[in-house]
Amino acid sequence: MSIMTRLREETASNHVQIESNRYAKAIMNQTLTQEEYILYLEKFYGFIKPAERLIAQLSGWGEFGEAMGQRTKSPLLERDLLTLGRSTQEINGLPECSKLPELYTVPQALGYMYVIEGSTLGGQIITKQVRKFLPLAEQENKGTEYFNAYGTETRAKWAEFREQVEQSINSEEAAQQVIEAAKSTFGTLEAWLNE
């Protein structure tokens, strides 16, 4: 069984759980206010920014290093928050999650990225919903750069990521690290969003 199939199967309950957070529910039933949406983005920023700092320090990416570096999401969140009225000083002062998943190896980083990259698929739905009820977001990509990270390239970027993971993971030990890191990422992100 491929590592991506195992990831999908072994984190299925985590997917369901995280999609039931209060922000996601409010987006889907169109009751989220713009201020709550900003708080949601700030939560993601406080989780993703420190995780990306850890991942940037890892060696061992080989030929995929540059491609993985191009998948950073904190710059998109920064632009969204600036667009929605937060200042650079406010963004720099946002609280950061101190209970991150373990991100000491490339397989662990891939497990984390499985969650974040996978969320770009759901982000397409969130973007459509947000544009329906937040006035600023009705303008093309205003305040939705994070959720609409790859736009029309989303499926292609996901396929590319899947292939890179499949090529990178060549032992059961590495596969276990990816799976455990993905589960841990789901769990720590959910706890952070619900704080």
C-alpha atoms as a PDB file:
ATOM      1  CA  MET A   1       0.000   0.000   0.000  1.00  0.00           C
ATOM      2  CA  SER A   2       1.371   3.442  -0.939  1.00  0.00           C
ATOM      3  CA  ILE A   3       2.302   5.936   1.754  1.00  0.00           C
ATOM      4  CA  MET A   4      -0.335   8.393   0.512  1.00  0.00           C
ATOM      5  CA  THR A   5      -3.044   5.733   0.725  1.00  0.00           C
ATOM      6  CA  ARG A   6      -1.914   4.856   4.232  1.00  0.00           C
ATOM      7  CA  LEU A   7      -1.907   8.525   5.220  1.00  0.00           C
ATOM      8  CA  ARG A   8      -5.444   9.011   3.906  1.00  0.00           C
ATOM      9  CA  GLU A   9      -6.750   5.908   5.683  1.00  0.00           C
ATOM     10  CA  GLU A  10      -4.895   6.369   8.974  1.00  0.00           C
ATOM     11  CA  THR A  11      -5.800  10.052   9.353  1.00  0.00           C
ATOM     12  CA  ALA A  12      -9.421   9.840   8.152  1.00  0.00           C
ATOM     13  CA  SER A  13     -10.866  10.405  11.627  1.00  0.00           C
ATOM     14  CA  ASN A  14      -8.465  13.340  12.154  1.00  0.00           C
ATOM     15  CA  HIS A  15      -9.780  14.967   8.957  1.00  0.00           C
ATOM     16  CA  VAL A  16     -13.351  14.718  10.184  1.00  0.00           C
ATOM     17  CA  GLN A  17     -12.445  16.022  13.629  1.00  0.00           C
ATOM     18  CA  ILE A  18     -10.581  19.132  12.480  1.00  0.00           C
ATOM     19  CA  GLU A  19     -13.289  20.065   9.990  1.00  0.00           C
ATOM     20  CA  SER A  20     -15.716  20.379  12.893  1.00  0.00           C
ATOM     21  CA  ASN A  21     -13.873  23.310  14.525  1.00  0.00           C
ATOM     22  CA  ARG A  22     -16.074  26.320  15.243  1.00  0.00           C
ATOM     23  CA  TYR A  23     -14.509  28.536  12.575  1.00  0.00           C
ATOM     24  CA  ALA A  24     -14.910  25.986   9.779  1.00  0.00           C
ATOM     25  CA  LYS A  25     -18.509  25.293  10.804  1.00  0.00           C
ATOM     26  CA  ALA A  26     -19.316  29.011  10.834  1.00  0.00           C
ATOM     27  CA  ILE A  27     -17.768  29.444   7.382  1.00  0.00           C
ATOM     28  CA  MET A  28     -19.840  26.620   5.965  1.00  0.00           C
ATOM     29  CA  ASN A  29     -23.110  27.930   7.415  1.00  0.00           C
ATOM     30  CA  GLN A  30     -22.123  31.545   6.587  1.00  0.00           C
ATOM     31  CA  THR A  31     -22.335  32.895  10.128  1.00  0.00           C
ATOM     32  CA  LEU A  32     -18.664  33.846  10.507  1.00  0.00           C
ATOM     33  CA  THR A  33     -18.026  37.575  10.915  1.00  0.00           C
ATOM     34  CA  GLN A  34     -15.070  39.290   9.272  1.00  0.00           C
ATOM     35  CA  GLU A  35     -13.416  39.718  12.686  1.00  0.00           C
ATOM     36  CA  GLU A  36     -13.819  35.982  13.399  1.00  0.00           C
ATOM     37  CA  TYR A  37     -12.372  35.213   9.980  1.00  0.00           C
ATOM     38  CA  ILE A  38      -9.348  37.377  10.823  1.00  0.00           C
ATOM     39  CA  LEU A  39      -8.956  35.480  14.122  1.00  0.00           C
ATOM     40  CA  TYR A  40      -9.076  32.192  12.175  1.00  0.00           C
ATOM     41  CA  LEU A  41      -6.275  33.396   9.885  1.00  0.00           C
ATOM     42  CA  GLU A  42      -4.286  34.589  12.907  1.00  0.00           C
ATOM     43  CA  LYS A  43      -4.629  31.128  14.459  1.00  0.00           C
ATOM     44  CA  PHE A  44      -3.262  29.494  11.300  1.00  0.00           C
ATOM     45  CA  TYR A  45      -0.428  32.017  11.208  1.00  0.00           C
ATOM     46  CA  GLY A  46       0.469  31.298  14.839  1.00  0.00           C
ATOM     47  CA  PHE A  47       0.682  27.588  14.037  1.00  0.00           C
ATOM     48  CA  ILE A  48       2.277  27.670  10.582  1.00  0.00           C
ATOM     49  CA  LYS A  49       4.937  30.366  11.084  1.00  0.00           C
ATOM     50  CA  PRO A  50       6.902  28.542  13.839  1.00  0.00           C
ATOM     51  CA  ALA A  51       6.485  25.193  12.044  1.00  0.00           C
ATOM     52  CA  GLU A  52       7.911  26.669   8.842  1.00  0.00           C
ATOM     53  CA  ARG A  53      10.866  28.069  10.797  1.00  0.00           C
ATOM     54  CA  LEU A  54      11.669  24.561  12.060  1.00  0.00           C
ATOM     55  CA  ILE A  55      11.266  22.971   8.629  1.00  0.00           C
ATOM     56  CA  ALA A  56      13.517  25.605   7.004  1.00  0.00           C
ATOM     57  CA  GLN A  57      16.353  24.428   9.250  1.00  0.00           C
ATOM     58  CA  LEU A  58      16.139  20.801   8.100  1.00  0.00           C
ATOM     59  CA  SER A  59      18.733  19.319   5.802  1.00  0.00           C
ATOM     60  CA  GLY A  60      18.233  16.167   3.761  1.00  0.00           C
ATOM     61  CA  TRP A  61      15.581  17.412   1.335  1.00  0.00           C
ATOM     62  CA  GLY A  62      17.770  16.523  -1.636  1.00  0.00           C
ATOM     63  CA  GLU A  63      16.292  17.391  -5.008  1.00  0.00           C
ATOM     64  CA  PHE A  64      12.929  18.337  -3.442  1.00  0.00           C
ATOM     65  CA  GLY A  65      14.317  21.087  -1.218  1.00  0.00           C
ATOM     66  CA  GLU A  66      13.517  23.995  -3.489  1.00  0.00           C
ATOM     67  CA  ALA A  67      10.052  22.686  -4.349  1.00  0.00           C
ATOM     68  CA  MET A  68       9.189  22.241  -0.671  1.00  0.00           C
ATOM     69  CA  GLY A  69      10.503  25.705   0.157  1.00  0.00           C
ATOM     70  CA  GLN A  70       8.096  27.180  -2.399  1.00  0.00           C
ATOM     71  CA  ARG A  71       5.156  25.760  -0.458  1.00  0.00           C
ATOM     72  CA  THR A  72       5.452  28.099   2.534  1.00  0.00           C
ATOM     73  CA  LYS A  73       2.114  29.489   3.645  1.00  0.00           C
ATOM     74  CA  SER A  74       3.000  32.146   6.232  1.00  0.00           C
ATOM     75  CA  PRO A  75       3.636  34.861   3.556  1.00  0.00           C
ATOM     76  CA  LEU A  76       0.113  34.261   2.206  1.00  0.00           C
ATOM     77  CA  LEU A  77      -1.340  34.589   5.695  1.00  0.00           C
ATOM     78  CA  GLU A  78       0.640  37.789   6.271  1.00  0.00           C
ATOM     79  CA  ARG A  79      -0.744  39.311   3.059  1.00  0.00           C
ATOM     80  CA  ASP A  80      -4.299  38.282   3.984  1.00  0.00           C
ATOM     81  CA  LEU A  81      -3.998  39.810   7.432  1.00  0.00           C
ATOM     82  CA  LEU A  82      -2.559  43.054   6.031  1.00  0.00           C
ATOM     83  CA  THR A  83      -5.371  43.196   3.459  1.00  0.00           C
ATOM     84  CA  LEU A  84      -7.916  42.703   6.242  1.00  0.00           C
ATOM     85  CA  GLY A  85      -6.523  45.593   8.278  1.00  0.00           C
ATOM     86  CA  ARG A  86      -3.894  44.169  10.615  1.00  0.00           C
ATOM     87  CA  SER A  87      -0.603  46.036  10.810  1.00  0.00           C
ATOM     88  CA  THR A  88       2.819  44.442  10.389  1.00  0.00           C
ATOM     89  CA  GLN A  89       3.455  45.161  14.063  1.00  0.00           C
ATOM     90  CA  GLU A  90       0.223  43.387  15.067  1.00  0.00           C
ATOM     91  CA  ILE A  91       1.093  40.391  12.881  1.00  0.00           C
ATOM     92  CA  ASN A  92       4.619  40.168  14.323  1.00  0.00           C
ATOM     93  CA  GLY A  93       3.134  40.217  17.836  1.00  0.00           C
ATOM     94  CA  LEU A  94       0.652  37.384  17.272  1.00  0.00           C
ATOM     95  CA  PRO A  95       0.927  34.466  19.709  1.00  0.00           C
ATOM     96  CA  GLU A  96       2.645  31.370  18.316  1.00  0.00           C
ATOM     97  CA  CYS A  97       1.817  27.773  19.095  1.00  0.00           C
ATOM     98  CA  SER A  98       4.399  26.343  21.491  1.00  0.00           C
ATOM     99  CA  LYS A  99       3.180  22.721  21.265  1.00  0.00           C
ATOM    100  CA  LEU A 100       4.061  21.910  17.665  1.00  0.00           C
ATOM    101  CA  PRO A 101       4.367  18.390  16.275  1.00  0.00           C
ATOM    102  CA  GLU A 102       7.891  16.963  16.179  1.00  0.00           C
ATOM    103  CA  LEU A 103       9.577  18.328  13.045  1.00  0.00           C
ATOM    104  CA  TYR A 104      13.147  17.062  13.331  1.00  0.00           C
ATOM    105  CA  THR A 105      13.340  14.913  10.198  1.00  0.00           C
ATOM    106  CA  VAL A 106      12.279  15.240   6.567  1.00  0.00           C
ATOM    107  CA  PRO A 107       9.648  12.459   6.954  1.00  0.00           C
ATOM    108  CA  GLN A 108       8.168  14.319   9.948  1.00  0.00           C
ATOM    109  CA  ALA A 109       8.110  17.532   7.906  1.00  0.00           C
ATOM    110  CA  LEU A 110       6.336  15.672   5.106  1.00  0.00           C
ATOM    111  CA  GLY A 111       3.720  14.472   7.601  1.00  0.00           C
ATOM    112  CA  TYR A 112       3.124  18.068   8.676  1.00  0.00           C
ATOM    113  CA  MET A 113       3.006  19.194   5.056  1.00  0.00           C
ATOM    114  CA  TYR A 114       0.507  16.446   4.211  1.00  0.00           C
ATOM    115  CA  VAL A 115      -1.958  18.203   6.519  1.00  0.00           C
ATOM    116  CA  ILE A 116      -1.206  21.755   5.364  1.00  0.00           C
ATOM    117  CA  GLU A 117      -0.942  20.935   1.654  1.00  0.00           C
ATOM    118  CA  GLY A 118      -4.053  18.770   1.896  1.00  0.00           C
ATOM    119  CA  SER A 119      -5.938  21.685   3.375  1.00  0.00           C
ATOM    120  CA  THR A 120      -5.474  23.583   0.107  1.00  0.00           C
ATOM    121  CA  LEU A 121      -8.052  21.217  -1.416  1.00  0.00           C
ATOM    122  CA  GLY A 122     -10.623  22.151   1.230  1.00  0.00           C
ATOM    123  CA  GLY A 123      -9.412  25.718   0.952  1.00  0.00           C
ATOM    124  CA  GLN A 124     -11.079  25.933  -2.453  1.00  0.00           C
ATOM    125  CA  ILE A 125     -14.463  25.348  -0.807  1.00  0.00           C
ATOM    126  CA  ILE A 126     -13.680  27.747   2.042  1.00  0.00           C
ATOM    127  CA  THR A 127     -12.654  30.444  -0.453  1.00  0.00           C
ATOM    128  CA  LYS A 128     -15.988  30.136  -2.300  1.00  0.00           C
ATOM    129  CA  GLN A 129     -17.925  30.306   0.960  1.00  0.00           C
ATOM    130  CA  VAL A 130     -15.965  33.269   2.347  1.00  0.00           C
ATOM    131  CA  ARG A 131     -16.435  35.218  -0.889  1.00  0.00           C
ATOM    132  CA  LYS A 132     -20.205  34.803  -0.524  1.00  0.00           C
ATOM    133  CA  PHE A 133     -20.485  36.582   2.796  1.00  0.00           C
ATOM    134  CA  LEU A 134     -17.399  38.696   3.489  1.00  0.00           C
ATOM    135  CA  PRO A 135     -17.556  41.954   1.517  1.00  0.00           C
ATOM    136  CA  LEU A 136     -13.793  42.398   1.070  1.00  0.00           C
ATOM    137  CA  ALA A 137     -13.324  38.817  -0.100  1.00  0.00           C
ATOM    138  CA  GLU A 138     -15.718  39.341  -3.013  1.00  0.00           C
ATOM    139  CA  GLN A 139     -12.865  41.115  -4.764  1.00  0.00           C
ATOM    140  CA  GLU A 140     -10.515  38.615  -6.408  1.00  0.00           C
ATOM    141  CA  ASN A 141      -8.332  36.971  -3.759  1.00  0.00           C
ATOM    142  CA  LYS A 142      -8.713  39.817  -1.232  1.00  0.00           C
ATOM    143  CA  GLY A 143      -8.108  38.186   2.129  1.00  0.00           C
ATOM    144  CA  THR A 144      -8.267  34.645   0.736  1.00  0.00           C
ATOM    145  CA  GLU A 145      -4.714  34.079  -0.516  1.00  0.00           C
ATOM    146  CA  TYR A 146      -4.043  31.449   2.158  1.00  0.00           C
ATOM    147  CA  PHE A 147      -7.137  29.354   1.497  1.00  0.00           C
ATOM    148  CA  ASN A 148      -6.775  29.852  -2.259  1.00  0.00           C
ATOM    149  CA  ALA A 149      -3.014  29.257  -2.159  1.00  0.00           C
ATOM    150  CA  TYR A 150      -2.658  27.709  -5.609  1.00  0.00           C
ATOM    151  CA  GLY A 151      -5.867  28.874  -7.279  1.00  0.00           C
ATOM    152  CA  THR A 152      -6.537  26.915 -10.462  1.00  0.00           C
ATOM    153  CA  GLU A 153      -3.279  24.983  -9.940  1.00  0.00           C
ATOM    154  CA  THR A 154      -4.487  23.387  -6.676  1.00  0.00           C
ATOM    155  CA  ARG A 155      -5.057  19.869  -7.991  1.00  0.00           C
ATOM    156  CA  ALA A 156      -1.804  19.897  -9.976  1.00  0.00           C
ATOM    157  CA  LYS A 157       0.153  21.084  -6.931  1.00  0.00           C
ATOM    158  CA  TRP A 158      -1.450  18.367  -4.779  1.00  0.00           C
ATOM    159  CA  ALA A 159      -0.548  15.704  -7.367  1.00  0.00           C
ATOM    160  CA  GLU A 160       3.023  17.026  -7.452  1.00  0.00           C
ATOM    161  CA  PHE A 161       3.244  16.891  -3.648  1.00  0.00           C
ATOM    162  CA  ARG A 162       1.845  13.332  -3.567  1.00  0.00           C
ATOM    163  CA  GLU A 163       4.489  12.232  -6.053  1.00  0.00           C
ATOM    164  CA  GLN A 164       7.275  13.881  -4.063  1.00  0.00           C
ATOM    165  CA  VAL A 165       6.149  12.118  -0.878  1.00  0.00           C
ATOM    166  CA  GLU A 166       5.930   8.751  -2.653  1.00  0.00           C
ATOM    167  CA  GLN A 167       9.464   9.204  -4.041  1.00  0.00           C
ATOM    168  CA  SER A 168      10.908  10.390  -0.714  1.00  0.00           C
ATOM    169  CA  ILE A 169       9.604   7.661   1.593  1.00  0.00           C
ATOM    170  CA  ASN A 170      11.422   4.379   1.012  1.00  0.00           C
ATOM    171  CA  SER A 171      11.408   2.603   4.386  1.00  0.00           C
ATOM    172  CA  GLU A 172       8.826   1.527   6.956  1.00  0.00           C
ATOM    173  CA  GLU A 173      10.555   3.650   9.590  1.00  0.00           C
ATOM    174  CA  ALA A 174      10.211   6.760   7.400  1.00  0.00           C
ATOM    175  CA  ALA A 175       6.590   5.857   6.601  1.00  0.00           C
ATOM    176  CA  GLN A 176       5.782   5.614  10.313  1.00  0.00           C
ATOM    177  CA  GLN A 177       7.396   9.006  10.935  1.00  0.00           C
ATOM    178  CA  VAL A 178       5.263  10.588   8.196  1.00  0.00           C
ATOM    179  CA  ILE A 179       2.049   9.033   9.534  1.00  0.00           C
ATOM    180  CA  GLU A 180       2.729   9.899  13.173  1.00  0.00           C
ATOM    181  CA  ALA A 181       3.696  13.468  12.266  1.00  0.00           C
ATOM    182  CA  ALA A 182       0.507  13.884  10.220  1.00  0.00           C
ATOM    183  CA  LYS A 183      -1.631  12.625  13.119  1.00  0.00           C
ATOM    184  CA  SER A 184       0.257  14.848  15.546  1.00  0.00           C
ATOM    185  CA  THR A 185      -0.165  17.855  13.237  1.00  0.00           C
ATOM    186  CA  PHE A 186      -3.901  17.315  13.043  1.00  0.00           C
ATOM    187  CA  GLY A 187      -4.117  16.972  16.834  1.00  0.00           C
ATOM    188  CA  THR A 188      -1.940  19.941  17.744  1.00  0.00           C
ATOM    189  CA  LEU A 189      -3.568  22.188  15.124  1.00  0.00           C
ATOM    190  CA  GLU A 190      -7.045  21.252  16.335  1.00  0.00           C
ATOM    191  CA  ALA A 191      -6.084  21.985  19.957  1.00  0.00           C
ATOM    192  CA  TRP A 192      -4.552  25.323  18.895  1.00  0.00           C
ATOM    193  CA  LEU A 193      -7.634  26.351  16.909  1.00  0.00           C
ATOM    194  CA  ASN A 194      -9.874  25.510  19.874  1.00  0.00           C
ATOM    195  CA  GLU A 195      -7.816  27.416  22.468  1.00  0.00           C
END
